[in-house]
Amino acid sequence: MKDNKQEQAEGKTKEVMGNVQSKTGELLGNEEMQAKGEAKTAEGKTQNAVGKVKEAVKDAAEVVKDKVEDITHNDHKHDHKH
């Protein structure tokens, strides 16, 4: 399984490569090359966004886990006081 940062980096790379291909196609008057470049750019943006979402979900899950551990830890402290 890909690391979230790796997913983002690969997406950014595809996005840049797609932009280059699209601009090259535009300069050469090659509509097919330009269209493929635009598609690759879109794919890269999507992959980058997926990586960012996965990273945000992972971060949120860690925050929730920490909060649950804090609550559980505090409940055990209260149990021993009685």
Protein backbone atom coordinates (compact mmCIF):
# COMPACT_ATOMS: atom_id res chain seq x y z
CA MET A 1 0.00 0.00 0.00
CA LYS A 2 1.30 3.45 -0.90
CA ASP A 3 2.27 5.93 1.74
CA ASN A 4 0.10 9.08 1.62
CA LYS A 5 3.07 11.35 0.92
CA GLN A 6 4.19 9.02 -1.87
CA GLU A 7 0.67 9.15 -3.34
CA GLN A 8 0.81 12.95 -3.28
CA ALA A 9 4.28 13.07 -4.83
CA GLU A 10 3.32 10.68 -7.63
CA GLY A 11 0.21 12.73 -8.27
CA LYS A 12 2.18 15.96 -8.44
CA THR A 13 4.68 14.33 -10.82
CA LYS A 14 1.87 13.18 -13.14
CA GLU A 15 0.35 16.64 -12.96
CA VAL A 16 3.60 18.32 -14.01
CA MET A 17 4.27 15.75 -16.74
CA GLY A 18 0.73 16.22 -18.02
CA ASN A 19 1.18 19.99 -18.14
CA VAL A 20 4.40 19.58 -20.12
CA GLN A 21 2.76 17.13 -22.52
CA SER A 22 -0.28 19.38 -22.93
CA LYS A 23 1.82 22.49 -23.63
CA THR A 24 4.03 20.55 -26.04
CA GLY A 25 0.95 19.33 -27.88
CA GLU A 26 -0.39 22.88 -27.97
CA LEU A 27 2.88 24.26 -29.36
CA LEU A 28 3.09 21.51 -31.99
CA GLY A 29 -0.56 21.80 -32.92
CA ASN A 30 -1.04 18.16 -31.88
CA GLU A 31 -4.52 18.03 -30.34
CA GLU A 32 -4.21 14.36 -29.35
CA MET A 33 -1.00 15.01 -27.41
CA GLN A 34 -2.57 18.07 -25.80
CA ALA A 35 -5.67 16.08 -24.77
CA LYS A 36 -3.58 13.24 -23.34
CA GLY A 37 -1.55 15.77 -21.38
CA GLU A 38 -4.68 17.37 -19.99
CA ALA A 39 -5.98 13.95 -18.98
CA LYS A 40 -2.69 13.13 -17.25
CA THR A 41 -2.81 16.48 -15.46
CA ALA A 42 -6.31 15.74 -14.19
CA GLU A 43 -5.27 12.25 -13.11
CA GLY A 44 -2.30 13.69 -11.24
CA LYS A 45 -4.44 16.31 -9.48
CA THR A 46 -6.88 13.59 -8.44
CA GLN A 47 -4.11 11.31 -7.14
CA ASN A 48 -2.56 14.20 -5.22
CA ALA A 49 -5.96 15.06 -3.70
CA VAL A 50 -6.54 11.42 -2.71
CA GLY A 51 -3.18 11.40 -0.93
CA LYS A 52 -4.09 14.60 0.92
CA VAL A 53 -7.47 13.21 1.98
CA LYS A 54 -5.87 9.98 3.19
CA GLU A 55 -3.33 12.00 5.17
CA ALA A 56 -6.10 14.13 6.73
CA VAL A 57 -8.12 11.03 7.67
CA LYS A 58 -5.02 9.42 9.19
CA ASP A 59 -4.30 12.57 11.21
CA ALA A 60 -7.92 12.79 12.39
CA ALA A 61 -7.89 9.12 13.40
CA GLU A 62 -4.76 9.70 15.46
CA VAL A 63 -6.39 12.66 17.24
CA VAL A 64 -9.48 10.57 18.02
CA LYS A 65 -7.32 7.68 19.25
CA ASP A 66 -5.38 10.04 21.52
CA LYS A 67 -8.61 11.53 22.91
CA VAL A 68 -10.06 8.07 23.59
CA GLU A 69 -6.85 7.08 25.36
CA ASP A 70 -6.99 10.27 27.45
CA ILE A 71 -10.61 9.62 28.41
CA THR A 72 -9.93 5.97 29.20
CA HIS A 73 -6.85 6.90 31.21
CA ASN A 74 -8.78 9.55 33.17
CA ASP A 75 -11.67 7.14 33.84
CA HIS A 76 -9.22 4.65 35.33
CA LYS A 77 -7.81 7.39 37.59
CA HIS A 78 -11.35 8.16 38.86
CA ASP A 79 -12.04 4.47 39.46
CA HIS A 80 -9.06 4.23 41.83
CA LYS A 81 -10.06 7.29 43.84
CA HIS A 82 -13.34 5.78 45.06
